[in-house]
Amino acid sequence: MSEHNHEHHVSTAGQLWAVATALFILTIITVVLAKFIAIPPPFDVITAISIALVKAFLVAAFFMNLYWDTKFNTMLLFMAVAFFLLMISITLLDTLYRNDVVPSF
């Protein structure tokens, strides 16, 4: 069998604690914005999703080590997310424009 001489990145405790602290602070910001600050309706969802996307990037990049991994694995993650969004959008197209089968319900 052939040997693969791959150098794997090992995250330091400082890196992991910094990312965990950033995630904790972003969670606190999300809770404060949701409970104590009144943001107008279209922008509150945009703000919450933006913070969630930043948190998802931090988890994928540093806890899943995609930042140091090959670009193929990053492409696989993006393709999986795109496939998920495609399936959700097709389902919503079907359910949002469907007539009620039993009008009394």
C-alpha atoms as a PDB file:
ATOM      1  CA  MET A   1       0.000   0.000   0.000  1.00  0.00           C
ATOM      2  CA  SER A   2       1.201   3.451  -0.727  1.00  0.00           C
ATOM      3  CA  GLU A   3       1.910   5.786   2.113  1.00  0.00           C
ATOM      4  CA  HIS A   4       0.388   9.221   2.123  1.00  0.00           C
ATOM      5  CA  ASN A   5       2.569  11.886   3.637  1.00  0.00           C
ATOM      6  CA  HIS A   6      -0.077  14.426   4.491  1.00  0.00           C
ATOM      7  CA  GLU A   7       0.578  17.090   7.039  1.00  0.00           C
ATOM      8  CA  HIS A   8      -2.551  17.451   9.125  1.00  0.00           C
ATOM      9  CA  HIS A   9      -3.180  20.702  10.880  1.00  0.00           C
ATOM     10  CA  VAL A  10      -3.640  20.439  14.619  1.00  0.00           C
ATOM     11  CA  SER A  11      -5.492  23.371  16.099  1.00  0.00           C
ATOM     12  CA  THR A  12      -4.042  24.829  19.238  1.00  0.00           C
ATOM     13  CA  ALA A  13      -6.099  25.270  22.366  1.00  0.00           C
ATOM     14  CA  GLY A  14      -5.811  29.031  21.952  1.00  0.00           C
ATOM     15  CA  GLN A  15      -7.352  28.906  18.476  1.00  0.00           C
ATOM     16  CA  LEU A  16     -10.213  26.728  19.642  1.00  0.00           C
ATOM     17  CA  TRP A  17     -10.877  28.900  22.696  1.00  0.00           C
ATOM     18  CA  ALA A  18     -10.822  32.045  20.528  1.00  0.00           C
ATOM     19  CA  VAL A  19     -13.372  30.573  18.106  1.00  0.00           C
ATOM     20  CA  ALA A  20     -15.514  29.306  21.000  1.00  0.00           C
ATOM     21  CA  THR A  21     -15.409  32.755  22.595  1.00  0.00           C
ATOM     22  CA  ALA A  22     -16.415  34.375  19.310  1.00  0.00           C
ATOM     23  CA  LEU A  23     -19.325  31.942  18.991  1.00  0.00           C
ATOM     24  CA  PHE A  24     -20.400  32.683  22.564  1.00  0.00           C
ATOM     25  CA  ILE A  25     -20.258  36.448  21.989  1.00  0.00           C
ATOM     26  CA  LEU A  26     -22.232  36.135  18.743  1.00  0.00           C
ATOM     27  CA  THR A  27     -24.847  34.065  20.577  1.00  0.00           C
ATOM     28  CA  ILE A  28     -25.145  36.739  23.266  1.00  0.00           C
ATOM     29  CA  ILE A  29     -25.498  39.413  20.559  1.00  0.00           C
ATOM     30  CA  THR A  30     -28.255  37.372  18.905  1.00  0.00           C
ATOM     31  CA  VAL A  31     -30.169  37.004  22.181  1.00  0.00           C
ATOM     32  CA  VAL A  32     -29.788  40.695  23.046  1.00  0.00           C
ATOM     33  CA  LEU A  33     -30.989  41.732  19.580  1.00  0.00           C
ATOM     34  CA  ALA A  34     -33.958  39.370  19.767  1.00  0.00           C
ATOM     35  CA  LYS A  35     -35.118  40.207  23.291  1.00  0.00           C
ATOM     36  CA  PHE A  36     -34.105  43.770  24.082  1.00  0.00           C
ATOM     37  CA  ILE A  37     -33.669  45.701  20.818  1.00  0.00           C
ATOM     38  CA  ALA A  38     -36.625  46.259  18.516  1.00  0.00           C
ATOM     39  CA  ILE A  39     -35.446  45.920  14.940  1.00  0.00           C
ATOM     40  CA  PRO A  40     -38.070  46.510  12.206  1.00  0.00           C
ATOM     41  CA  PRO A  41     -39.566  43.279  10.801  1.00  0.00           C
ATOM     42  CA  PRO A  42     -37.656  42.670   7.578  1.00  0.00           C
ATOM     43  CA  PHE A  43     -34.309  43.580   9.107  1.00  0.00           C
ATOM     44  CA  ASP A  44     -34.596  41.476  12.266  1.00  0.00           C
ATOM     45  CA  VAL A  45     -34.619  38.260  10.238  1.00  0.00           C
ATOM     46  CA  ILE A  46     -31.797  39.506   8.015  1.00  0.00           C
ATOM     47  CA  THR A  47     -29.727  40.373  11.093  1.00  0.00           C
ATOM     48  CA  ALA A  48     -30.375  37.020  12.769  1.00  0.00           C
ATOM     49  CA  ILE A  49     -29.551  35.048   9.616  1.00  0.00           C
ATOM     50  CA  SER A  50     -26.393  37.104   9.050  1.00  0.00           C
ATOM     51  CA  ILE A  51     -25.145  36.339  12.555  1.00  0.00           C
ATOM     52  CA  ALA A  52     -26.078  32.663  12.100  1.00  0.00           C
ATOM     53  CA  LEU A  53     -24.119  32.530   8.828  1.00  0.00           C
ATOM     54  CA  VAL A  54     -21.033  33.985  10.510  1.00  0.00           C
ATOM     55  CA  LYS A  55     -21.349  31.402  13.286  1.00  0.00           C
ATOM     56  CA  ALA A  56     -21.802  28.600  10.741  1.00  0.00           C
ATOM     57  CA  PHE A  57     -18.685  29.795   8.892  1.00  0.00           C
ATOM     58  CA  LEU A  58     -16.658  29.749  12.112  1.00  0.00           C
ATOM     59  CA  VAL A  59     -17.800  26.223  12.953  1.00  0.00           C
ATOM     60  CA  ALA A  60     -17.179  24.899   9.438  1.00  0.00           C
ATOM     61  CA  ALA A  61     -13.843  26.638   8.994  1.00  0.00           C
ATOM     62  CA  PHE A  62     -12.216  26.022  12.349  1.00  0.00           C
ATOM     63  CA  PHE A  63     -13.983  23.210  14.208  1.00  0.00           C
ATOM     64  CA  MET A  64     -14.376  21.122  11.038  1.00  0.00           C
ATOM     65  CA  ASN A  65     -10.860  22.216   9.903  1.00  0.00           C
ATOM     66  CA  LEU A  66     -12.039  23.235   6.423  1.00  0.00           C
ATOM     67  CA  TYR A  67      -9.817  26.306   6.613  1.00  0.00           C
ATOM     68  CA  TRP A  68      -6.707  24.104   6.436  1.00  0.00           C
ATOM     69  CA  ASP A  69      -8.182  21.199   4.471  1.00  0.00           C
ATOM     70  CA  THR A  70      -8.251  20.699   0.717  1.00  0.00           C
ATOM     71  CA  LYS A  71     -10.556  22.866  -1.354  1.00  0.00           C
ATOM     72  CA  PHE A  72     -12.379  19.745  -2.530  1.00  0.00           C
ATOM     73  CA  ASN A  73     -13.898  19.238   0.923  1.00  0.00           C
ATOM     74  CA  THR A  74     -14.983  22.868   1.021  1.00  0.00           C
ATOM     75  CA  MET A  75     -16.602  22.430  -2.386  1.00  0.00           C
ATOM     76  CA  LEU A  76     -18.419  19.326  -1.099  1.00  0.00           C
ATOM     77  CA  LEU A  77     -19.807  21.355   1.807  1.00  0.00           C
ATOM     78  CA  PHE A  78     -21.038  24.100  -0.524  1.00  0.00           C
ATOM     79  CA  MET A  79     -22.587  21.561  -2.885  1.00  0.00           C
ATOM     80  CA  ALA A  80     -24.387  19.866   0.010  1.00  0.00           C
ATOM     81  CA  VAL A  81     -25.784  23.216   1.181  1.00  0.00           C
ATOM     82  CA  ALA A  82     -26.828  24.103  -2.386  1.00  0.00           C
ATOM     83  CA  PHE A  83     -28.549  20.720  -2.784  1.00  0.00           C
ATOM     84  CA  PHE A  84     -30.349  21.207   0.537  1.00  0.00           C
ATOM     85  CA  LEU A  85     -31.555  24.671  -0.515  1.00  0.00           C
ATOM     86  CA  LEU A  86     -32.700  23.291  -3.869  1.00  0.00           C
ATOM     87  CA  MET A  87     -34.746  20.553  -2.192  1.00  0.00           C
ATOM     88  CA  ILE A  88     -36.289  23.019   0.259  1.00  0.00           C
ATOM     89  CA  SER A  89     -37.185  25.451  -2.539  1.00  0.00           C
ATOM     90  CA  ILE A  90     -38.777  22.699  -4.649  1.00  0.00           C
ATOM     91  CA  THR A  91     -40.804  21.577  -1.626  1.00  0.00           C
ATOM     92  CA  LEU A  92     -41.917  25.142  -0.920  1.00  0.00           C
ATOM     93  CA  LEU A  93     -42.948  25.618  -4.559  1.00  0.00           C
ATOM     94  CA  ASP A  94     -45.177  22.591  -4.196  1.00  0.00           C
ATOM     95  CA  THR A  95     -46.678  23.387  -0.796  1.00  0.00           C
ATOM     96  CA  LEU A  96     -47.101  27.154  -1.065  1.00  0.00           C
ATOM     97  CA  TYR A  97     -49.228  27.022  -4.202  1.00  0.00           C
ATOM     98  CA  ARG A  98     -51.276  23.914  -3.441  1.00  0.00           C
ATOM     99  CA  ASN A  99     -55.086  24.085  -3.183  1.00  0.00           C
ATOM    100  CA  ASP A 100     -56.678  22.789  -0.008  1.00  0.00           C
ATOM    101  CA  VAL A 101     -57.820  19.222  -0.422  1.00  0.00           C
ATOM    102  CA  VAL A 102     -60.510  19.530   2.254  1.00  0.00           C
ATOM    103  CA  PRO A 103     -61.697  23.158   2.458  1.00  0.00           C
ATOM    104  CA  SER A 104     -63.160  22.770   5.963  1.00  0.00           C
ATOM    105  CA  PHE A 105     -59.706  22.349   7.485  1.00  0.00           C
END
